[in-house]
Every structure is written in C-alpha cells, then in structure tokens.
Amino acid sequence: MPRDYRKEYDNYHSKPSQKKKRASRNAARRKLQAGGRVKKGSNMDVHHVDGNPLNNSPKNLRVVNRSENRSFARTSTGRKARS
C-alpha cells in the first residue's frame, strides 16, 4: 500500500503545534547559517541537545552530521534515549 502523504499532512503536519516546531527548527538553521557554523547544501544538521525544537538558545544548538542526527538510539518504548 503506498504512503498517503495528503492524509499524513492533514492529520499531523498541518497542526498548529507542528507548524510552530517546524518554524523553530528552520529558524535555528538560519541562525547558525548567519553565524557561519553551517552552510547551505552541507551534510550537516542542526541538533537540539535537549530534544526541544522550540528551544533555540545557543547552548542547545549543535552542528552534527546528518547521519548522526537522524539515527538516534531508541528505548524499548520507542522514545529517544537520553544522552
């Protein structure tokens, strides 16, 4: 069965809380681009250390490889493991 992107957007990505989180993640990347810590088109992601995308304080933002940021350890309940 193919993935229904329209339904996925309607049920999840269009919610106001998810829009705010996405906007905050984009703002974090722009902030680090302006500071010269990450470049457009690089294989680097902006990592929120505490896992909260709404917290864009400098202490909470770190530049990491895309593969490192997108492959985090999971616990038995399916949550992110605290590091």
PDB file of N, CA and C in Angstrom:
ATOM      1  N   MET A   1       0.846  -1.184   0.000  1.00  0.00           N
ATOM      2  CA  MET A   1       0.000   0.000   0.000  1.00  0.00           C
ATOM      3  C   MET A   1       0.890   1.245   0.000  1.00  0.00           C
ATOM      4  N   PRO A   2       0.676   2.149  -0.938  1.00  0.00           N
ATOM      5  CA  PRO A   2       1.518   3.345  -0.992  1.00  0.00           C
ATOM      6  C   PRO A   2       1.213   4.309   0.162  1.00  0.00           C
ATOM      7  N   ARG A   3       2.191   5.109   0.454  1.00  0.00           N
ATOM      8  CA  ARG A   3       2.075   6.082   1.536  1.00  0.00           C
ATOM      9  C   ARG A   3       1.163   7.230   1.102  1.00  0.00           C
ATOM     10  N   ASP A   4       0.229   7.621   1.963  1.00  0.00           N
ATOM     11  CA  ASP A   4      -0.731   8.682   1.660  1.00  0.00           C
ATOM     12  C   ASP A   4      -0.234   9.991   2.280  1.00  0.00           C
ATOM     13  N   TYR A   5       0.541  10.744   1.505  1.00  0.00           N
ATOM     14  CA  TYR A   5       1.136  11.974   2.010  1.00  0.00           C
ATOM     15  C   TYR A   5       0.083  13.028   2.339  1.00  0.00           C
ATOM     16  N   ARG A   6      -0.975  13.071   1.587  1.00  0.00           N
ATOM     17  CA  ARG A   6      -2.035  14.054   1.836  1.00  0.00           C
ATOM     18  C   ARG A   6      -2.659  13.820   3.204  1.00  0.00           C
ATOM     19  N   LYS A   7      -2.973  12.575   3.508  1.00  0.00           N
ATOM     20  CA  LYS A   7      -3.566  12.223   4.797  1.00  0.00           C
ATOM     21  C   LYS A   7      -2.585  12.503   5.935  1.00  0.00           C
ATOM     22  N   GLU A   8      -1.320  12.185   5.698  1.00  0.00           N
ATOM     23  CA  GLU A   8      -0.272  12.420   6.694  1.00  0.00           C
ATOM     24  C   GLU A   8      -0.181  13.914   7.027  1.00  0.00           C
ATOM     25  N   TYR A   9      -0.225  14.757   5.989  1.00  0.00           N
ATOM     26  CA  TYR A   9      -0.180  16.199   6.216  1.00  0.00           C
ATOM     27  C   TYR A   9      -1.417  16.661   6.974  1.00  0.00           C
ATOM     28  N   ASP A  10      -2.579  16.209   6.544  1.00  0.00           N
ATOM     29  CA  ASP A  10      -3.828  16.638   7.175  1.00  0.00           C
ATOM     30  C   ASP A  10      -3.907  16.218   8.637  1.00  0.00           C
ATOM     31  N   ASN A  11      -3.406  15.026   8.954  1.00  0.00           N
ATOM     32  CA  ASN A  11      -3.520  14.503  10.312  1.00  0.00           C
ATOM     33  C   ASN A  11      -2.402  14.935  11.241  1.00  0.00           C
ATOM     34  N   TYR A  12      -1.254  15.349  10.698  1.00  0.00           N
ATOM     35  CA  TYR A  12      -0.118  15.618  11.568  1.00  0.00           C
ATOM     36  C   TYR A  12       0.583  16.935  11.251  1.00  0.00           C
ATOM     37  N   HIS A  13       1.086  17.095  10.045  1.00  0.00           N
ATOM     38  CA  HIS A  13       1.938  18.228   9.706  1.00  0.00           C
ATOM     39  C   HIS A  13       1.201  19.559   9.660  1.00  0.00           C
ATOM     40  N   SER A  14      -0.100  19.544   9.516  1.00  0.00           N
ATOM     41  CA  SER A  14      -0.844  20.801   9.424  1.00  0.00           C
ATOM     42  C   SER A  14      -1.293  21.326  10.784  1.00  0.00           C
ATOM     43  N   LYS A  15      -1.044  20.600  11.843  1.00  0.00           N
ATOM     44  CA  LYS A  15      -1.458  21.034  13.181  1.00  0.00           C
ATOM     45  C   LYS A  15      -0.626  22.248  13.606  1.00  0.00           C
ATOM     46  N   PRO A  16      -1.240  23.224  14.275  1.00  0.00           N
ATOM     47  CA  PRO A  16      -0.514  24.433  14.686  1.00  0.00           C
ATOM     48  C   PRO A  16       0.730  24.148  15.518  1.00  0.00           C
ATOM     49  N   SER A  17       0.668  23.155  16.395  1.00  0.00           N
ATOM     50  CA  SER A  17       1.843  22.852  17.225  1.00  0.00           C
ATOM     51  C   SER A  17       3.000  22.350  16.366  1.00  0.00           C
ATOM     52  N   GLN A  18       2.709  21.533  15.339  1.00  0.00           N
ATOM     53  CA  GLN A  18       3.759  21.021  14.461  1.00  0.00           C
ATOM     54  C   GLN A  18       4.311  22.120  13.563  1.00  0.00           C
ATOM     55  N   LYS A  19       3.462  23.062  13.159  1.00  0.00           N
ATOM     56  CA  LYS A  19       3.932  24.187  12.351  1.00  0.00           C
ATOM     57  C   LYS A  19       4.901  25.051  13.147  1.00  0.00           C
ATOM     58  N   LYS A  20       4.607  25.271  14.431  1.00  0.00           N
ATOM     59  CA  LYS A  20       5.494  26.071  15.282  1.00  0.00           C
ATOM     60  C   LYS A  20       6.836  25.375  15.472  1.00  0.00           C
ATOM     61  N   LYS A  21       6.815  24.068  15.670  1.00  0.00           N
ATOM     62  CA  LYS A  21       8.062  23.318  15.836  1.00  0.00           C
ATOM     63  C   LYS A  21       8.892  23.364  14.555  1.00  0.00           C
ATOM     64  N   ARG A  22       8.252  23.197  13.403  1.00  0.00           N
ATOM     65  CA  ARG A  22       8.962  23.233  12.121  1.00  0.00           C
ATOM     66  C   ARG A  22       9.562  24.616  11.887  1.00  0.00           C
ATOM     67  N   ALA A  23       8.793  25.663  12.185  1.00  0.00           N
ATOM     68  CA  ALA A  23       9.287  27.029  12.009  1.00  0.00           C
ATOM     69  C   ALA A  23      10.478  27.294  12.926  1.00  0.00           C
ATOM     70  N   SER A  24      10.433  26.757  14.131  1.00  0.00           N
ATOM     71  CA  SER A  24      11.525  26.944  15.075  1.00  0.00           C
ATOM     72  C   SER A  24      12.784  26.204  14.618  1.00  0.00           C
ATOM     73  N   ARG A  25      12.620  25.003  14.066  1.00  0.00           N
ATOM     74  CA  ARG A  25      13.767  24.257  13.538  1.00  0.00           C
ATOM     75  C   ARG A  25      14.408  25.018  12.371  1.00  0.00           C
ATOM     76  N   ASN A  26      13.560  25.565  11.489  1.00  0.00           N
ATOM     77  CA  ASN A  26      14.074  26.335  10.354  1.00  0.00           C
ATOM     78  C   ASN A  26      14.795  27.592  10.838  1.00  0.00           C
ATOM     79  N   ALA A  27      14.262  28.245  11.870  1.00  0.00           N
ATOM     80  CA  ALA A  27      14.883  29.445  12.431  1.00  0.00           C
ATOM     81  C   ALA A  27      16.240  29.111  13.040  1.00  0.00           C
ATOM     82  N   ALA A  28      16.350  27.951  13.673  1.00  0.00           N
ATOM     83  CA  ALA A  28      17.620  27.531  14.268  1.00  0.00           C
ATOM     84  C   ALA A  28      18.675  27.363  13.182  1.00  0.00           C
ATOM     85  N   ARG A  29      18.296  26.737  12.074  1.00  0.00           N
ATOM     86  CA  ARG A  29      19.262  26.551  10.979  1.00  0.00           C
ATOM     87  C   ARG A  29      19.676  27.895  10.400  1.00  0.00           C
ATOM     88  N   ARG A  30      18.729  28.803  10.189  1.00  0.00           N
ATOM     89  CA  ARG A  30      19.057  30.134   9.662  1.00  0.00           C
ATOM     90  C   ARG A  30      19.997  30.878  10.604  1.00  0.00           C
ATOM     91  N   LYS A  31      19.770  30.719  11.903  1.00  0.00           N
ATOM     92  CA  LYS A  31      20.607  31.365  12.912  1.00  0.00           C
ATOM     93  C   LYS A  31      22.055  30.882  12.807  1.00  0.00           C
ATOM     94  N   LEU A  32      22.250  29.574  12.645  1.00  0.00           N
ATOM     95  CA  LEU A  32      23.600  29.031  12.545  1.00  0.00           C
ATOM     96  C   LEU A  32      24.221  29.306  11.169  1.00  0.00           C
ATOM     97  N   GLN A  33      23.399  29.433  10.140  1.00  0.00           N
ATOM     98  CA  GLN A  33      23.925  29.812   8.829  1.00  0.00           C
ATOM     99  C   GLN A  33      24.450  31.236   8.875  1.00  0.00           C
ATOM    100  N   ALA A  34      23.720  32.117   9.529  1.00  0.00           N
ATOM    101  CA  ALA A  34      24.146  33.512   9.642  1.00  0.00           C
ATOM    102  C   ALA A  34      25.432  33.625  10.450  1.00  0.00           C
ATOM    103  N   GLY A  35      25.606  32.714  11.403  1.00  0.00           N
ATOM    104  CA  GLY A  35      26.815  32.717  12.218  1.00  0.00           C
ATOM    105  C   GLY A  35      27.978  31.988  11.562  1.00  0.00           C
ATOM    106  N   GLY A  36      27.758  31.386  10.402  1.00  0.00           N
ATOM    107  CA  GLY A  36      28.817  30.710   9.676  1.00  0.00           C
ATOM    108  C   GLY A  36      29.142  29.315  10.182  1.00  0.00           C
ATOM    109  N   ARG A  37      28.305  28.751  11.025  1.00  0.00           N
ATOM    110  CA  ARG A  37      28.593  27.423  11.584  1.00  0.00           C
ATOM    111  C   ARG A  37      28.123  26.296  10.680  1.00  0.00           C
ATOM    112  N   VAL A  38      27.191  26.584   9.777  1.00  0.00           N
ATOM    113  CA  VAL A  38      26.688  25.576   8.846  1.00  0.00           C
ATOM    114  C   VAL A  38      26.416  26.272   7.515  1.00  0.00           C
ATOM    115  N   LYS A  39      26.597  25.529   6.419  1.00  0.00           N
ATOM    116  CA  LYS A  39      26.383  26.108   5.095  1.00  0.00           C
ATOM    117  C   LYS A  39      25.224  25.418   4.401  1.00  0.00           C
ATOM    118  N   LYS A  40      24.604  26.137   3.498  1.00  0.00           N
ATOM    119  CA  LYS A  40      23.524  25.583   2.693  1.00  0.00           C
ATOM    120  C   LYS A  40      24.072  24.465   1.819  1.00  0.00           C
ATOM    121  N   GLY A  41      23.362  23.342   1.798  1.00  0.00           N
ATOM    122  CA  GLY A  41      23.772  22.221   0.973  1.00  0.00           C
ATOM    123  C   GLY A  41      24.772  21.285   1.620  1.00  0.00           C
ATOM    124  N   SER A  42      25.183  21.592   2.856  1.00  0.00           N
ATOM    125  CA  SER A  42      26.138  20.703   3.527  1.00  0.00           C
ATOM    126  C   SER A  42      25.401  19.481   4.073  1.00  0.00           C
ATOM    127  N   ASN A  43      26.141  18.464   4.443  1.00  0.00           N
ATOM    128  CA  ASN A  43      25.549  17.264   5.018  1.00  0.00           C
ATOM    129  C   ASN A  43      25.443  17.376   6.530  1.00  0.00           C
ATOM    130  N   MET A  44      25.278  18.574   7.025  1.00  0.00           N
ATOM    131  CA  MET A  44      25.206  18.809   8.457  1.00  0.00           C
ATOM    132  C   MET A  44      23.780  19.211   8.850  1.00  0.00           C
ATOM    133  N   ASP A  45      23.379  18.758  10.031  1.00  0.00           N
ATOM    134  CA  ASP A  45      22.083  19.126  10.593  1.00  0.00           C
ATOM    135  C   ASP A  45      22.298  19.949  11.847  1.00  0.00           C
ATOM    136  N   VAL A  46      21.300  20.730  12.216  1.00  0.00           N
ATOM    137  CA  VAL A  46      21.316  21.448  13.483  1.00  0.00           C
ATOM    138  C   VAL A  46      20.599  20.573  14.502  1.00  0.00           C
ATOM    139  N   HIS A  47      21.320  20.206  15.538  1.00  0.00           N
ATOM    140  CA  HIS A  47      20.807  19.301  16.568  1.00  0.00           C
ATOM    141  C   HIS A  47      20.387  20.094  17.793  1.00  0.00           C
ATOM    142  N   HIS A  48      19.183  19.856  18.291  1.00  0.00           N
ATOM    143  CA  HIS A  48      18.722  20.430  19.543  1.00  0.00           C
ATOM    144  C   HIS A  48      19.102  19.449  20.649  1.00  0.00           C
ATOM    145  N   VAL A  49      20.028  19.838  21.504  1.00  0.00           N
ATOM    146  CA  VAL A  49      20.598  18.938  22.502  1.00  0.00           C
ATOM    147  C   VAL A  49      19.524  18.382  23.431  1.00  0.00           C
ATOM    148  N   ASP A  50      18.610  19.234  23.888  1.00  0.00           N
ATOM    149  CA  ASP A  50      17.580  18.768  24.820  1.00  0.00           C
ATOM    150  C   ASP A  50      16.372  18.146  24.122  1.00  0.00           C
ATOM    151  N   GLY A  51      16.386  18.102  22.800  1.00  0.00           N
ATOM    152  CA  GLY A  51      15.295  17.487  22.059  1.00  0.00           C
ATOM    153  C   GLY A  51      14.084  18.382  21.869  1.00  0.00           C
ATOM    154  N   ASN A  52      14.147  19.598  22.381  1.00  0.00           N
ATOM    155  CA  ASN A  52      13.025  20.524  22.271  1.00  0.00           C
ATOM    156  C   ASN A  52      13.284  21.480  21.114  1.00  0.00           C
ATOM    157  N   PRO A  53      12.547  21.363  19.994  1.00  0.00           N
ATOM    158  CA  PRO A  53      12.804  22.229  18.854  1.00  0.00           C
ATOM    159  C   PRO A  53      12.423  23.691  19.090  1.00  0.00           C
ATOM    160  N   LEU A  54      11.690  23.971  20.147  1.00  0.00           N
ATOM    161  CA  LEU A  54      11.304  25.352  20.434  1.00  0.00           C
ATOM    162  C   LEU A  54      12.390  26.089  21.220  1.00  0.00           C
ATOM    163  N   ASN A  55      13.398  25.369  21.699  1.00  0.00           N
ATOM    164  CA  ASN A  55      14.476  25.963  22.479  1.00  0.00           C
ATOM    165  C   ASN A  55      15.672  26.209  21.565  1.00  0.00           C
ATOM    166  N   ASN A  56      15.808  27.446  21.077  1.00  0.00           N
ATOM    167  CA  ASN A  56      16.889  27.776  20.154  1.00  0.00           C
ATOM    168  C   ASN A  56      17.997  28.571  20.819  1.00  0.00           C
ATOM    169  N   SER A  57      18.234  28.346  22.107  1.00  0.00           N
ATOM    170  CA  SER A  57      19.329  29.033  22.773  1.00  0.00           C
ATOM    171  C   SER A  57      20.649  28.489  22.249  1.00  0.00           C
ATOM    172  N   PRO A  58      21.686  29.317  22.218  1.00  0.00           N
ATOM    173  CA  PRO A  58      22.978  28.862  21.674  1.00  0.00           C
ATOM    174  C   PRO A  58      23.531  27.611  22.362  1.00  0.00           C
ATOM    175  N   LYS A  59      23.300  27.447  23.641  1.00  0.00           N
ATOM    176  CA  LYS A  59      23.794  26.271  24.355  1.00  0.00           C
ATOM    177  C   LYS A  59      23.075  25.004  23.911  1.00  0.00           C
ATOM    178  N   ASN A  60      21.882  25.131  23.380  1.00  0.00           N
ATOM    179  CA  ASN A  60      21.084  23.972  22.994  1.00  0.00           C
ATOM    180  C   ASN A  60      21.301  23.552  21.547  1.00  0.00           C
ATOM    181  N   LEU A  61      21.983  24.364  20.748  1.00  0.00           N
ATOM    182  CA  LEU A  61      22.162  24.063  19.327  1.00  0.00           C
ATOM    183  C   LEU A  61      23.572  23.557  19.054  1.00  0.00           C
ATOM    184  N   ARG A  62      23.653  22.508  18.243  1.00  0.00           N
ATOM    185  CA  ARG A  62      24.932  21.903  17.898  1.00  0.00           C
ATOM    186  C   ARG A  62      24.861  21.468  16.444  1.00  0.00           C
ATOM    187  N   VAL A  63      25.953  21.554  15.731  1.00  0.00           N
ATOM    188  CA  VAL A  63      26.009  21.117  14.339  1.00  0.00           C
ATOM    189  C   VAL A  63      26.587  19.711  14.319  1.00  0.00           C
ATOM    190  N   VAL A  64      25.843  18.775  13.736  1.00  0.00           N
ATOM    191  CA  VAL A  64      26.272  17.370  13.673  1.00  0.00           C
ATOM    192  C   VAL A  64      26.035  16.833  12.266  1.00  0.00           C
ATOM    193  N   ASN A  65      26.676  15.711  11.966  1.00  0.00           N
ATOM    194  CA  ASN A  65      26.446  15.041  10.685  1.00  0.00           C
ATOM    195  C   ASN A  65      24.980  14.640  10.574  1.00  0.00           C
ATOM    196  N   ARG A  66      24.477  14.684   9.373  1.00  0.00           N
ATOM    197  CA  ARG A  66      23.084  14.314   9.128  1.00  0.00           C
ATOM    198  C   ARG A  66      22.808  12.886   9.596  1.00  0.00           C
ATOM    199  N   SER A  67      23.734  11.978   9.315  1.00  0.00           N
ATOM    200  CA  SER A  67      23.539  10.579   9.689  1.00  0.00           C
ATOM    201  C   SER A  67      23.492  10.416  11.210  1.00  0.00           C
ATOM    202  N   GLU A  68      24.290  11.194  11.928  1.00  0.00           N
ATOM    203  CA  GLU A  68      24.290  11.111  13.393  1.00  0.00           C
ATOM    204  C   GLU A  68      22.982  11.653  13.974  1.00  0.00           C
ATOM    205  N   ASN A  69      22.501  12.735  13.400  1.00  0.00           N
ATOM    206  CA  ASN A  69      21.309  13.385  13.948  1.00  0.00           C
ATOM    207  C   ASN A  69      20.029  12.600  13.659  1.00  0.00           C
ATOM    208  N   ARG A  70      20.012  11.854  12.596  1.00  0.00           N
ATOM    209  CA  ARG A  70      18.782  11.163  12.198  1.00  0.00           C
ATOM    210  C   ARG A  70      18.749   9.693  12.582  1.00  0.00           C
ATOM    211  N   SER A  71      19.766   9.212  13.274  1.00  0.00           N
ATOM    212  CA  SER A  71      19.792   7.813  13.698  1.00  0.00           C
ATOM    213  C   SER A  71      20.106   7.752  15.186  1.00  0.00           C
ATOM    214  N   PHE A  72      19.160   8.148  15.990  1.00  0.00           N
ATOM    215  CA  PHE A  72      19.363   8.155  17.433  1.00  0.00           C
ATOM    216  C   PHE A  72      18.896   6.844  18.039  1.00  0.00           C
ATOM    217  N   ALA A  73      19.461   6.525  19.187  1.00  0.00           N
ATOM    218  CA  ALA A  73      19.095   5.289  19.876  1.00  0.00           C
ATOM    219  C   ALA A  73      17.674   5.400  20.401  1.00  0.00           C
ATOM    220  N   ARG A  74      16.967   4.299  20.377  1.00  0.00           N
ATOM    221  CA  ARG A  74      15.591   4.250  20.888  1.00  0.00           C
ATOM    222  C   ARG A  74      15.541   3.324  22.090  1.00  0.00           C
ATOM    223  N   THR A  75      14.631   3.633  23.000  1.00  0.00           N
ATOM    224  CA  THR A  75      14.423   2.761  24.144  1.00  0.00           C
ATOM    225  C   THR A  75      13.414   1.681  23.774  1.00  0.00           C
ATOM    226  N   SER A  76      13.122   0.790  24.697  1.00  0.00           N
ATOM    227  CA  SER A  76      12.177  -0.285  24.410  1.00  0.00           C
ATOM    228  C   SER A  76      10.774   0.242  24.189  1.00  0.00           C
ATOM    229  N   THR A  77      10.468   1.449  24.690  1.00  0.00           N
ATOM    230  CA  THR A  77       9.140   2.034  24.485  1.00  0.00           C
ATOM    231  C   THR A  77       9.075   2.868  23.211  1.00  0.00           C
ATOM    232  N   GLY A  78      10.187   2.985  22.488  1.00  0.00           N
ATOM    233  CA  GLY A  78      10.184   3.707  21.224  1.00  0.00           C
ATOM    234  C   GLY A  78      10.536   5.176  21.364  1.00  0.00           C
ATOM    235  N   ARG A  79      10.933   5.622  22.547  1.00  0.00           N
ATOM    236  CA  ARG A  79      11.307   7.015  22.758  1.00  0.00           C
ATOM    237  C   ARG A  79      12.794   7.199  22.509  1.00  0.00           C
ATOM    238  N   LYS A  80      13.201   8.449  22.350  1.00  0.00           N
ATOM    239  CA  LYS A  80      14.625   8.759  22.210  1.00  0.00           C
ATOM    240  C   LYS A  80      15.350   8.425  23.498  1.00  0.00           C
ATOM    241  N   ALA A  81      16.541   7.924  23.382  1.00  0.00           N
ATOM    242  CA  ALA A  81      17.375   7.666  24.558  1.00  0.00           C
ATOM    243  C   ALA A  81      18.060   8.962  24.951  1.00  0.00           C
ATOM    244  N   ARG A  82      18.079   9.270  26.225  1.00  0.00           N
ATOM    245  CA  ARG A  82      18.773  10.476  26.714  1.00  0.00           C
ATOM    246  C   ARG A  82      20.271  10.241  26.658  1.00  0.00           C
ATOM    247  N   SER A  83      20.989  11.231  26.179  1.00  0.00           N
ATOM    248  CA  SER A  83      22.447  11.075  26.122  1.00  0.00           C
ATOM    249  C   SER A  83      23.131  11.970  27.113  1.00  0.00           C
TER     250      SER A  83
END
